[in-house]
Protein backbone atom coordinates (compact mmCIF):
# COMPACT_ATOMS: atom_id res chain seq x y z
CA MET A 1 -60.22 -23.69 -40.16
CA SER A 2 -58.39 -24.55 -36.94
CA SER A 3 -59.77 -27.08 -34.34
CA VAL A 4 -58.70 -24.71 -31.41
CA PRO A 5 -61.73 -23.15 -29.84
CA ILE A 6 -61.60 -19.25 -29.45
CA ALA A 7 -62.14 -18.22 -25.88
CA PRO A 8 -64.67 -15.45 -25.24
CA ASP A 9 -63.50 -12.13 -24.12
CA PRO A 10 -62.98 -11.87 -20.27
CA SER A 11 -65.41 -9.83 -18.36
CA PRO A 12 -64.14 -6.62 -16.45
CA ALA A 13 -64.55 -8.41 -13.18
CA VAL A 14 -62.05 -11.17 -14.45
CA LEU A 15 -59.71 -8.64 -15.55
CA ALA A 16 -59.78 -6.77 -12.26
CA ALA A 17 -59.00 -9.92 -10.39
CA ILE A 18 -55.73 -10.43 -12.34
CA PRO A 19 -52.72 -8.78 -10.46
CA ALA A 20 -50.73 -6.29 -12.09
CA PRO A 21 -46.96 -6.91 -12.60
CA TRP A 22 -44.53 -5.34 -10.07
CA TRP A 23 -43.42 -2.72 -12.34
CA ARG A 24 -46.80 -1.23 -12.79
CA PHE A 25 -46.93 0.06 -9.17
CA PRO A 26 -45.56 3.48 -8.61
CA MET A 27 -44.43 2.83 -5.10
CA VAL A 28 -42.01 0.18 -6.30
CA TRP A 29 -40.27 2.87 -8.46
CA LEU A 30 -40.11 5.32 -5.43
CA VAL A 31 -38.46 2.70 -3.33
CA LEU A 32 -35.92 1.59 -5.91
CA ALA A 33 -35.29 5.19 -6.92
CA GLY A 34 -33.64 6.21 -3.53
CA PRO A 35 -30.65 3.52 -3.43
CA ALA A 36 -30.29 4.06 -7.22
CA ILE A 37 -29.78 7.92 -6.80
CA VAL A 38 -27.30 7.22 -4.01
CA VAL A 39 -25.21 4.92 -6.16
CA ALA A 40 -25.18 7.28 -8.96
CA ALA A 41 -24.09 10.13 -6.60
CA CYS A 42 -21.31 7.83 -5.15
CA VAL A 43 -20.02 7.23 -8.58
CA VAL A 44 -19.92 10.78 -9.52
CA THR A 45 -18.22 11.72 -6.37
CA MET A 46 -15.68 9.12 -6.97
CA VAL A 47 -15.08 10.35 -10.63
CA ILE A 48 -14.62 13.95 -9.36
CA ALA A 49 -12.38 12.81 -6.57
CA PHE A 50 -10.08 10.78 -9.01
CA ARG A 51 -9.94 13.40 -11.61
CA HIS A 52 -9.24 16.40 -9.44
CA ALA A 53 -6.86 14.80 -7.05
CA ASP A 54 -4.52 17.13 -5.06
CA VAL A 55 -0.90 17.31 -5.99
CA VAL A 56 1.43 15.44 -3.53
CA LEU A 57 3.72 17.82 -1.65
CA THR A 58 7.37 16.63 -1.70
CA GLU A 59 8.56 19.15 1.03
CA ALA A 60 6.73 20.38 4.04
CA PRO A 61 5.98 24.16 4.27
CA ALA A 62 7.82 24.15 7.72
CA ARG A 63 11.09 23.06 5.90
CA ALA A 64 10.65 25.68 3.30
CA ALA A 65 10.38 28.40 5.95
CA ALA A 66 13.56 26.98 7.71
CA ARG A 67 15.49 27.39 4.54
CA GLY A 68 14.63 30.99 4.24
CA VAL A 69 11.73 30.86 1.82
CA PRO A 70 9.44 33.63 2.89
CA LEU A 71 5.96 32.39 3.88
CA ALA A 72 4.62 35.95 5.07
CA GLY A 73 2.80 36.44 1.73
CA ALA A 74 1.01 33.16 1.97
CA THR A 75 0.11 33.54 5.56
CA ALA A 76 -0.60 37.13 5.76
CA PRO A 77 -4.44 36.88 5.40
CA ALA A 78 -4.57 34.30 8.16
CA LEU A 79 -2.48 36.47 10.46
CA GLN A 80 -4.43 39.57 9.92
CA ALA A 81 -7.69 37.72 10.61
CA ARG A 82 -6.27 36.33 13.86
CA ASN A 83 -4.92 39.59 15.08
CA HIS A 84 -8.23 41.44 14.10
CA ALA A 85 -10.16 38.77 16.14
CA ALA A 86 -8.07 39.23 19.06
CA THR A 87 -8.30 43.11 19.27
CA PRO A 88 -10.93 44.29 21.80
CA ALA A 89 -13.95 46.13 20.38
CA ARG A 90 -13.82 49.99 20.80
């Protein structure tokens, strides 16, 4: 047999006095979850922004209109809404 004495089982009072590790407390996870969610949302937003970046325009729309390219089709809904908002109610 071995010469090391066997310690008796600790009583419940002794076990209750031993502090629990930090990861056993739910409040710690609640505090850490907020910043972790924000960082994850930031990464997702950056991925979406980089994958779906807008196309760079090589010519301004005003220059296209000056060359004679009709923009009436593209601006018609905006002009109708503006004109409708300016008309007085009957």
